[in-house]
Amino acid sequence: MRDEASTSIRLDDVHLTLGNRSFHFDCGFERGRITAVVGPSGSGKSTLLNLVSGFERPDSGRIEIAGRDVTDLAPAERPVSLVFQDNNLFSHLDLFTNIGLGIHPAMRLTPADRKAISDALERVGLAGYERRLPGSLSGGERQRVAFARALVRHRPVMLLDEPFAALDPGLRTAMVDLLVDLHTETSATILLVTHDPRDVERLADDVVFIDDGHVLVITDKAAFFERHDLAAVQNFLGEPPFARQSP
């Protein structure tokens, strides 16, 4: 059992039914750590993030962030930044506005806010793109804009759902390095959904493995890579160097 005093996110006996799928999450995530959320496709990884962010409401149970009950709060009221795989950009608004809405929903921006938007675009390799529309960008560029929006929000919790999936290998490495730098600077609590064991190896402090709508394993990274007893975990890790053989 994790130390409750250090828990930043807590899902307390949370149940949710979506169609014919049932989900049950009873787990906590420690403050200031990066937790990789992994498991088979359709297992409930994105559903877990949607519950924390408020885009799904549980049928029963309680969700806490930093000790505060947020179960009934709308997404905008939660201390959370989001980077989802579909990047959630408004196609009719330029990049400056898309990012600025992450700071203030009425675009009441200070000069410092405006500078922060340009700085964030520069940091993700899109300097000078403020007036571009999302439709003029590649999928990888749109994902980088979503990352820039998260950068300017300065929230204590960051949720990332396959944020590197649309990026080519070189840019992926740069964005991974950016996430490491951001975490060092902010000490944010980060939940990172990924299908890539390399992301776990490079980024994670802890790992939660979800299977069939519930948490199968939650542990630190080193212990996760030694779970030779679970076929589902070994299937995720695949071939060496990630699937380390028992002696």
C-alpha atoms as a PDB file:
ATOM      1  CA  MET A   1       0.000   0.000   0.000  1.00  0.00           C
ATOM      2  CA  ARG A   2       1.356   3.416  -0.938  1.00  0.00           C
ATOM      3  CA  ASP A   3       1.886   6.121   1.656  1.00  0.00           C
ATOM      4  CA  GLU A   4      -1.331   8.173   1.532  1.00  0.00           C
ATOM      5  CA  ALA A   5       0.550  11.309   2.604  1.00  0.00           C
ATOM      6  CA  SER A   6       2.548  11.212  -0.633  1.00  0.00           C
ATOM      7  CA  THR A   7      -0.391  10.351  -2.884  1.00  0.00           C
ATOM      8  CA  SER A   8      -1.231  13.063  -5.405  1.00  0.00           C
ATOM      9  CA  ILE A   9      -3.960  11.164  -7.275  1.00  0.00           C
ATOM     10  CA  ARG A  10      -6.289   8.674  -5.656  1.00  0.00           C
ATOM     11  CA  LEU A  11      -9.040   6.570  -7.248  1.00  0.00           C
ATOM     12  CA  ASP A  12     -10.929   5.141  -4.304  1.00  0.00           C
ATOM     13  CA  ASP A  13     -13.009   2.083  -5.291  1.00  0.00           C
ATOM     14  CA  VAL A  14     -14.025   3.729  -8.567  1.00  0.00           C
ATOM     15  CA  HIS A  15     -16.493   1.807 -10.735  1.00  0.00           C
ATOM     16  CA  LEU A  16     -17.585   2.746 -14.244  1.00  0.00           C
ATOM     17  CA  THR A  17     -19.625   0.939 -16.894  1.00  0.00           C
ATOM     18  CA  LEU A  18     -19.396   2.002 -20.539  1.00  0.00           C
ATOM     19  CA  GLY A  19     -21.656  -0.065 -22.768  1.00  0.00           C
ATOM     20  CA  ASN A  20     -20.804  -3.673 -22.022  1.00  0.00           C
ATOM     21  CA  ARG A  21     -17.431  -2.823 -20.466  1.00  0.00           C
ATOM     22  CA  SER A  22     -16.878  -2.548 -16.717  1.00  0.00           C
ATOM     23  CA  PHE A  23     -13.957  -0.793 -15.079  1.00  0.00           C
ATOM     24  CA  HIS A  24     -12.796  -0.851 -11.470  1.00  0.00           C
ATOM     25  CA  PHE A  25      -9.866   1.243 -10.270  1.00  0.00           C
ATOM     26  CA  ASP A  26      -8.664   1.358  -6.672  1.00  0.00           C
ATOM     27  CA  CYS A  27      -5.176   2.839  -6.721  1.00  0.00           C
ATOM     28  CA  GLY A  28      -3.016   5.864  -5.941  1.00  0.00           C
ATOM     29  CA  PHE A  29      -0.213   7.700  -7.701  1.00  0.00           C
ATOM     30  CA  GLU A  30       2.576   9.435  -5.843  1.00  0.00           C
ATOM     31  CA  ARG A  31       3.174  13.153  -5.979  1.00  0.00           C
ATOM     32  CA  GLY A  32       5.948  14.347  -8.276  1.00  0.00           C
ATOM     33  CA  ARG A  33       6.549  11.023 -10.034  1.00  0.00           C
ATOM     34  CA  ILE A  34       6.062   9.837 -13.601  1.00  0.00           C
ATOM     35  CA  THR A  35       3.845   6.764 -13.799  1.00  0.00           C
ATOM     36  CA  ALA A  36       3.645   4.838 -17.065  1.00  0.00           C
ATOM     37  CA  VAL A  37       0.133   3.485 -17.679  1.00  0.00           C
ATOM     38  CA  VAL A  38       0.448   0.371 -19.819  1.00  0.00           C
ATOM     39  CA  GLY A  39      -1.513  -2.700 -20.847  1.00  0.00           C
ATOM     40  CA  PRO A  40      -3.213  -4.303 -23.853  1.00  0.00           C
ATOM     41  CA  SER A  41      -5.256  -2.229 -26.301  1.00  0.00           C
ATOM     42  CA  GLY A  42      -8.745  -1.643 -24.936  1.00  0.00           C
ATOM     43  CA  SER A  43      -7.776  -2.546 -21.377  1.00  0.00           C
ATOM     44  CA  GLY A  44      -8.835   0.802 -19.881  1.00  0.00           C
ATOM     45  CA  LYS A  45      -5.735   3.002 -19.960  1.00  0.00           C
ATOM     46  CA  SER A  46      -7.424   5.985 -21.592  1.00  0.00           C
ATOM     47  CA  THR A  47     -10.497   5.442 -19.432  1.00  0.00           C
ATOM     48  CA  LEU A  48      -8.323   5.826 -16.343  1.00  0.00           C
ATOM     49  CA  LEU A  49      -7.016   9.167 -17.666  1.00  0.00           C
ATOM     50  CA  ASN A  50     -10.541  10.271 -18.567  1.00  0.00           C
ATOM     51  CA  LEU A  51     -11.688   9.592 -15.009  1.00  0.00           C
ATOM     52  CA  VAL A  52      -8.825  11.609 -13.528  1.00  0.00           C
ATOM     53  CA  SER A  53      -9.390  14.473 -15.973  1.00  0.00           C
ATOM     54  CA  GLY A  54     -13.171  14.523 -15.547  1.00  0.00           C
ATOM     55  CA  PHE A  55     -14.180  13.525 -19.071  1.00  0.00           C
ATOM     56  CA  GLU A  56     -15.737  10.422 -17.545  1.00  0.00           C
ATOM     57  CA  ARG A  57     -17.640  10.408 -14.246  1.00  0.00           C
ATOM     58  CA  PRO A  58     -17.610   7.245 -12.113  1.00  0.00           C
ATOM     59  CA  ASP A  59     -20.815   5.364 -11.337  1.00  0.00           C
ATOM     60  CA  SER A  60     -19.501   5.013  -7.801  1.00  0.00           C
ATOM     61  CA  GLY A  61     -16.339   5.725  -5.841  1.00  0.00           C
ATOM     62  CA  ARG A  62     -14.282   8.847  -5.264  1.00  0.00           C
ATOM     63  CA  ILE A  63     -11.475  10.619  -7.138  1.00  0.00           C
ATOM     64  CA  GLU A  64      -9.046  12.837  -5.240  1.00  0.00           C
ATOM     65  CA  ILE A  65      -6.257  15.080  -6.490  1.00  0.00           C
ATOM     66  CA  ALA A  66      -3.852  16.454  -3.873  1.00  0.00           C
ATOM     67  CA  GLY A  67      -6.270  15.397  -1.148  1.00  0.00           C
ATOM     68  CA  ARG A  68      -9.231  17.241  -2.688  1.00  0.00           C
ATOM     69  CA  ASP A  69     -12.370  15.418  -3.797  1.00  0.00           C
ATOM     70  CA  VAL A  70     -12.745  16.254  -7.507  1.00  0.00           C
ATOM     71  CA  THR A  71     -15.290  13.549  -8.372  1.00  0.00           C
ATOM     72  CA  ASP A  72     -18.014  16.022  -9.308  1.00  0.00           C
ATOM     73  CA  LEU A  73     -15.801  18.748 -10.791  1.00  0.00           C
ATOM     74  CA  ALA A  74     -15.779  19.547 -14.508  1.00  0.00           C
ATOM     75  CA  PRO A  75     -12.493  19.044 -16.406  1.00  0.00           C
ATOM     76  CA  ALA A  76     -11.737  22.791 -16.444  1.00  0.00           C
ATOM     77  CA  GLU A  77     -12.041  22.905 -12.649  1.00  0.00           C
ATOM     78  CA  ARG A  78      -9.439  20.216 -12.056  1.00  0.00           C
ATOM     79  CA  PRO A  79      -5.711  21.005 -11.590  1.00  0.00           C
ATOM     80  CA  VAL A  80      -4.824  18.962 -14.662  1.00  0.00           C
ATOM     81  CA  SER A  81      -3.177  19.514 -18.060  1.00  0.00           C
ATOM     82  CA  LEU A  82      -3.945  17.097 -20.882  1.00  0.00           C
ATOM     83  CA  VAL A  83      -2.069  15.898 -23.941  1.00  0.00           C
ATOM     84  CA  PHE A  84      -4.284  13.388 -25.715  1.00  0.00           C
ATOM     85  CA  GLN A  85      -3.454  11.434 -28.869  1.00  0.00           C
ATOM     86  CA  ASP A  86      -5.972  13.371 -30.985  1.00  0.00           C
ATOM     87  CA  ASN A  87      -4.493  16.668 -29.658  1.00  0.00           C
ATOM     88  CA  ASN A  88      -7.954  18.315 -29.188  1.00  0.00           C
ATOM     89  CA  LEU A  89      -7.202  21.466 -31.176  1.00  0.00           C
ATOM     90  CA  PHE A  90      -9.902  23.804 -32.510  1.00  0.00           C
ATOM     91  CA  SER A  91      -9.491  23.635 -36.280  1.00  0.00           C
ATOM     92  CA  HIS A  92     -10.894  27.157 -36.918  1.00  0.00           C
ATOM     93  CA  LEU A  93      -8.579  28.874 -34.421  1.00  0.00           C
ATOM     94  CA  ASP A  94      -4.917  29.690 -34.922  1.00  0.00           C
ATOM     95  CA  LEU A  95      -2.246  28.120 -32.768  1.00  0.00           C
ATOM     96  CA  PHE A  96      -1.807  31.185 -30.576  1.00  0.00           C
ATOM     97  CA  THR A  97      -5.502  31.074 -29.658  1.00  0.00           C
ATOM     98  CA  ASN A  98      -5.546  27.297 -29.200  1.00  0.00           C
ATOM     99  CA  ILE A  99      -2.717  27.581 -26.712  1.00  0.00           C
ATOM    100  CA  GLY A 100      -4.011  30.780 -25.113  1.00  0.00           C
ATOM    101  CA  LEU A 101      -7.336  29.117 -24.301  1.00  0.00           C
ATOM    102  CA  GLY A 102      -5.359  26.750 -22.103  1.00  0.00           C
ATOM    103  CA  ILE A 103      -4.316  29.746 -20.008  1.00  0.00           C
ATOM    104  CA  HIS A 104      -7.648  31.583 -19.919  1.00  0.00           C
ATOM    105  CA  PRO A 105     -10.911  30.407 -21.539  1.00  0.00           C
ATOM    106  CA  ALA A 106     -11.863  34.024 -22.378  1.00  0.00           C
ATOM    107  CA  MET A 107      -8.371  34.794 -23.769  1.00  0.00           C
ATOM    108  CA  ARG A 108      -7.739  37.498 -21.166  1.00  0.00           C
ATOM    109  CA  LEU A 109      -3.983  37.263 -21.527  1.00  0.00           C
ATOM    110  CA  THR A 110      -1.278  39.356 -19.935  1.00  0.00           C
ATOM    111  CA  PRO A 111       1.880  40.330 -21.849  1.00  0.00           C
ATOM    112  CA  ALA A 112       3.663  37.594 -19.878  1.00  0.00           C
ATOM    113  CA  ASP A 113       1.047  35.069 -21.030  1.00  0.00           C
ATOM    114  CA  ARG A 114       1.562  36.085 -24.654  1.00  0.00           C
ATOM    115  CA  LYS A 115       5.298  35.701 -24.333  1.00  0.00           C
ATOM    116  CA  ALA A 116       4.809  32.296 -22.669  1.00  0.00           C
ATOM    117  CA  ILE A 117       2.801  31.116 -25.691  1.00  0.00           C
ATOM    118  CA  SER A 118       5.536  32.103 -28.137  1.00  0.00           C
ATOM    119  CA  ASP A 119       8.196  30.618 -25.866  1.00  0.00           C
ATOM    120  CA  ALA A 120       6.272  27.330 -25.648  1.00  0.00           C
ATOM    121  CA  LEU A 121       5.966  27.125 -29.444  1.00  0.00           C
ATOM    122  CA  GLU A 122       9.673  27.765 -29.787  1.00  0.00           C
ATOM    123  CA  ARG A 123      10.414  25.091 -27.217  1.00  0.00           C
ATOM    124  CA  VAL A 124       8.532  22.438 -29.202  1.00  0.00           C
ATOM    125  CA  GLY A 125      10.207  23.499 -32.457  1.00  0.00           C
ATOM    126  CA  LEU A 126       7.367  25.613 -33.879  1.00  0.00           C
ATOM    127  CA  ALA A 127       8.711  29.152 -33.476  1.00  0.00           C
ATOM    128  CA  GLY A 128       6.765  31.666 -35.558  1.00  0.00           C
ATOM    129  CA  TYR A 129       3.726  29.400 -36.007  1.00  0.00           C
ATOM    130  CA  GLU A 130       1.366  31.525 -33.877  1.00  0.00           C
ATOM    131  CA  ARG A 131      -1.003  32.407 -36.746  1.00  0.00           C
ATOM    132  CA  ARG A 132      -1.025  29.027 -38.447  1.00  0.00           C
ATOM    133  CA  LEU A 133      -4.221  26.939 -38.405  1.00  0.00           C
ATOM    134  CA  PRO A 134      -4.109  23.307 -37.200  1.00  0.00           C
ATOM    135  CA  GLY A 135      -5.227  22.070 -40.632  1.00  0.00           C
ATOM    136  CA  SER A 136      -2.017  23.387 -42.183  1.00  0.00           C
ATOM    137  CA  LEU A 137       0.147  21.228 -39.895  1.00  0.00           C
ATOM    138  CA  SER A 138       1.215  17.619 -39.971  1.00  0.00           C
ATOM    139  CA  GLY A 139      -0.065  15.226 -37.321  1.00  0.00           C
ATOM    140  CA  GLY A 140       3.243  15.420 -35.500  1.00  0.00           C
ATOM    141  CA  GLU A 141       3.179  19.219 -35.541  1.00  0.00           C
ATOM    142  CA  ARG A 142      -0.354  19.283 -34.136  1.00  0.00           C
ATOM    143  CA  GLN A 143       0.757  16.998 -31.333  1.00  0.00           C
ATOM    144  CA  ARG A 144       3.603  19.372 -30.538  1.00  0.00           C
ATOM    145  CA  VAL A 145       1.084  22.230 -30.295  1.00  0.00           C
ATOM    146  CA  ALA A 146      -0.891  20.197 -27.762  1.00  0.00           C
ATOM    147  CA  PHE A 147       2.341  19.744 -25.820  1.00  0.00           C
ATOM    148  CA  ALA A 148       2.968  23.514 -25.951  1.00  0.00           C
ATOM    149  CA  ARG A 149      -0.521  24.118 -24.554  1.00  0.00           C
ATOM    150  CA  ALA A 150       0.265  21.860 -21.613  1.00  0.00           C
ATOM    151  CA  LEU A 151       3.539  23.715 -21.046  1.00  0.00           C
ATOM    152  CA  VAL A 152       1.815  27.063 -20.482  1.00  0.00           C
ATOM    153  CA  ARG A 153      -0.848  25.774 -18.079  1.00  0.00           C
ATOM    154  CA  HIS A 154       1.499  25.052 -15.156  1.00  0.00           C
ATOM    155  CA  ARG A 155      -0.819  22.491 -13.564  1.00  0.00           C
ATOM    156  CA  PRO A 156       0.469  20.086 -10.864  1.00  0.00           C
ATOM    157  CA  VAL A 157      -0.907  17.033 -12.711  1.00  0.00           C
ATOM    158  CA  MET A 158      -0.209  16.211 -16.353  1.00  0.00           C
ATOM    159  CA  LEU A 159      -1.991  13.430 -18.240  1.00  0.00           C
ATOM    160  CA  LEU A 160      -0.489  12.243 -21.515  1.00  0.00           C
ATOM    161  CA  ASP A 161      -2.203   9.694 -23.765  1.00  0.00           C
ATOM    162  CA  GLU A 162       0.295   8.361 -26.330  1.00  0.00           C
ATOM    163  CA  PRO A 163       1.806  11.848 -26.791  1.00  0.00           C
ATOM    164  CA  PHE A 164       4.688  10.642 -28.982  1.00  0.00           C
ATOM    165  CA  ALA A 165       2.716   8.298 -31.250  1.00  0.00           C
ATOM    166  CA  ALA A 166       2.542  10.663 -34.253  1.00  0.00           C
ATOM    167  CA  LEU A 167       6.172  11.770 -34.087  1.00  0.00           C
ATOM    168  CA  ASP A 168       9.082  10.585 -36.202  1.00  0.00           C
ATOM    169  CA  PRO A 169      12.007   9.017 -34.273  1.00  0.00           C
ATOM    170  CA  GLY A 170      14.163  12.136 -34.119  1.00  0.00           C
ATOM    171  CA  LEU A 171      11.378  14.401 -32.967  1.00  0.00           C
ATOM    172  CA  ARG A 172      10.133  11.746 -30.574  1.00  0.00           C
ATOM    173  CA  THR A 173      13.529  11.785 -28.857  1.00  0.00           C
ATOM    174  CA  ALA A 174      13.409  15.577 -28.607  1.00  0.00           C
ATOM    175  CA  MET A 175       9.907  15.516 -27.086  1.00  0.00           C
ATOM    176  CA  VAL A 176      10.915  12.808 -24.602  1.00  0.00           C
ATOM    177  CA  ASP A 177      13.842  14.999 -23.550  1.00  0.00           C
ATOM    178  CA  LEU A 178      11.473  17.966 -23.252  1.00  0.00           C
ATOM    179  CA  LEU A 179       9.165  15.989 -20.967  1.00  0.00           C
ATOM    180  CA  VAL A 180      12.135  15.022 -18.784  1.00  0.00           C
ATOM    181  CA  ASP A 181      13.184  18.684 -18.570  1.00  0.00           C
ATOM    182  CA  LEU A 182       9.640  19.792 -17.809  1.00  0.00           C
ATOM    183  CA  HIS A 183       9.305  17.261 -15.025  1.00  0.00           C
ATOM    184  CA  THR A 184      12.615  18.352 -13.530  1.00  0.00           C
ATOM    185  CA  GLU A 185      11.499  21.994 -13.596  1.00  0.00           C
ATOM    186  CA  THR A 186       7.949  21.548 -12.270  1.00  0.00           C
ATOM    187  CA  SER A 187       7.919  18.274 -10.284  1.00  0.00           C
ATOM    188  CA  ALA A 188       4.479  17.669 -11.778  1.00  0.00           C
ATOM    189  CA  THR A 189       2.721  14.359 -11.189  1.00  0.00           C
ATOM    190  CA  ILE A 190       2.568  12.729 -14.631  1.00  0.00           C
ATOM    191  CA  LEU A 191       0.505   9.805 -15.895  1.00  0.00           C
ATOM    192  CA  LEU A 192       1.789   8.650 -19.284  1.00  0.00           C
ATOM    193  CA  VAL A 193      -0.171   6.143 -21.388  1.00  0.00           C
ATOM    194  CA  THR A 194       2.168   4.327 -23.751  1.00  0.00           C
ATOM    195  CA  HIS A 195       2.457   1.106 -25.750  1.00  0.00           C
ATOM    196  CA  ASP A 196       6.234   1.397 -25.977  1.00  0.00           C
ATOM    197  CA  PRO A 197       8.474  -0.249 -23.339  1.00  0.00           C
ATOM    198  CA  ARG A 198      11.179   2.261 -24.292  1.00  0.00           C
ATOM    199  CA  ASP A 199       9.029   5.045 -22.820  1.00  0.00           C
ATOM    200  CA  VAL A 200       8.771   3.081 -19.585  1.00  0.00           C
ATOM    201  CA  GLU A 201      12.525   2.538 -19.496  1.00  0.00           C
ATOM    202  CA  ARG A 202      13.380   6.154 -20.330  1.00  0.00           C
ATOM    203  CA  LEU A 203      10.722   8.101 -18.439  1.00  0.00           C
ATOM    204  CA  ALA A 204       8.879   6.217 -15.733  1.00  0.00           C
ATOM    205  CA  ASP A 205       9.452   6.086 -12.002  1.00  0.00           C
ATOM    206  CA  ASP A 206       6.482   3.776 -11.501  1.00  0.00           C
ATOM    207  CA  VAL A 207       4.282   1.565 -13.689  1.00  0.00           C
ATOM    208  CA  VAL A 208       0.612   0.671 -13.528  1.00  0.00           C
ATOM    209  CA  PHE A 209      -0.419  -2.250 -15.722  1.00  0.00           C
ATOM    210  CA  ILE A 210      -4.116  -2.367 -16.593  1.00  0.00           C
ATOM    211  CA  ASP A 211      -5.805  -5.494 -17.897  1.00  0.00           C
ATOM    212  CA  ASP A 212      -9.498  -5.986 -18.654  1.00  0.00           C
ATOM    213  CA  GLY A 213     -10.602  -2.833 -16.865  1.00  0.00           C
ATOM    214  CA  HIS A 214      -8.697  -3.166 -13.602  1.00  0.00           C
ATOM    215  CA  VAL A 215      -5.201  -2.642 -12.217  1.00  0.00           C
ATOM    216  CA  LEU A 216      -3.187  -5.846 -12.444  1.00  0.00           C
ATOM    217  CA  VAL A 217       0.141  -4.423 -11.238  1.00  0.00           C
ATOM    218  CA  ILE A 218       1.228  -1.132  -9.708  1.00  0.00           C
ATOM    219  CA  THR A 219       4.872  -0.957  -8.724  1.00  0.00           C
ATOM    220  CA  ASP A 220       8.141   0.861  -9.297  1.00  0.00           C
ATOM    221  CA  LYS A 221       9.856   0.496 -12.662  1.00  0.00           C
ATOM    222  CA  ALA A 222      12.612  -1.883 -11.579  1.00  0.00           C
ATOM    223  CA  ALA A 223      10.154  -4.322 -10.018  1.00  0.00           C
ATOM    224  CA  PHE A 224       7.907  -4.149 -13.083  1.00  0.00           C
ATOM    225  CA  PHE A 225      10.673  -5.344 -15.387  1.00  0.00           C
ATOM    226  CA  GLU A 226      11.199  -8.347 -13.101  1.00  0.00           C
ATOM    227  CA  ARG A 227       7.572  -9.550 -13.248  1.00  0.00           C
ATOM    228  CA  HIS A 228       8.247 -12.845 -15.007  1.00  0.00           C
ATOM    229  CA  ASP A 229       5.190 -14.439 -13.398  1.00  0.00           C
ATOM    230  CA  LEU A 230       2.577 -12.576 -15.450  1.00  0.00           C
ATOM    231  CA  ALA A 231       2.108 -13.530 -19.100  1.00  0.00           C
ATOM    232  CA  ALA A 232       0.291 -10.234 -19.867  1.00  0.00           C
ATOM    233  CA  VAL A 233       3.287  -8.219 -18.652  1.00  0.00           C
ATOM    234  CA  GLN A 234       5.734 -10.363 -20.602  1.00  0.00           C
ATOM    235  CA  ASN A 235       3.615  -9.955 -23.740  1.00  0.00           C
ATOM    236  CA  PHE A 236       3.854  -6.183 -23.332  1.00  0.00           C
ATOM    237  CA  LEU A 237       7.617  -6.226 -22.777  1.00  0.00           C
ATOM    238  CA  GLY A 238       8.262  -8.558 -25.706  1.00  0.00           C
ATOM    239  CA  GLU A 239      11.806  -9.464 -26.669  1.00  0.00           C
ATOM    240  CA  PRO A 240      15.013  -8.553 -24.773  1.00  0.00           C
ATOM    241  CA  PRO A 241      16.330  -6.166 -23.582  1.00  0.00           C
ATOM    242  CA  PHE A 242      12.946  -5.455 -22.022  1.00  0.00           C
ATOM    243  CA  ALA A 243      11.873  -9.048 -21.370  1.00  0.00           C
ATOM    244  CA  ARG A 244      14.639 -10.025 -18.982  1.00  0.00           C
ATOM    245  CA  GLN A 245      14.983 -13.734 -18.567  1.00  0.00           C
ATOM    246  CA  SER A 246      14.810 -15.463 -15.220  1.00  0.00           C
ATOM    247  CA  PRO A 247      18.076 -17.177 -14.202  1.00  0.00           C
END
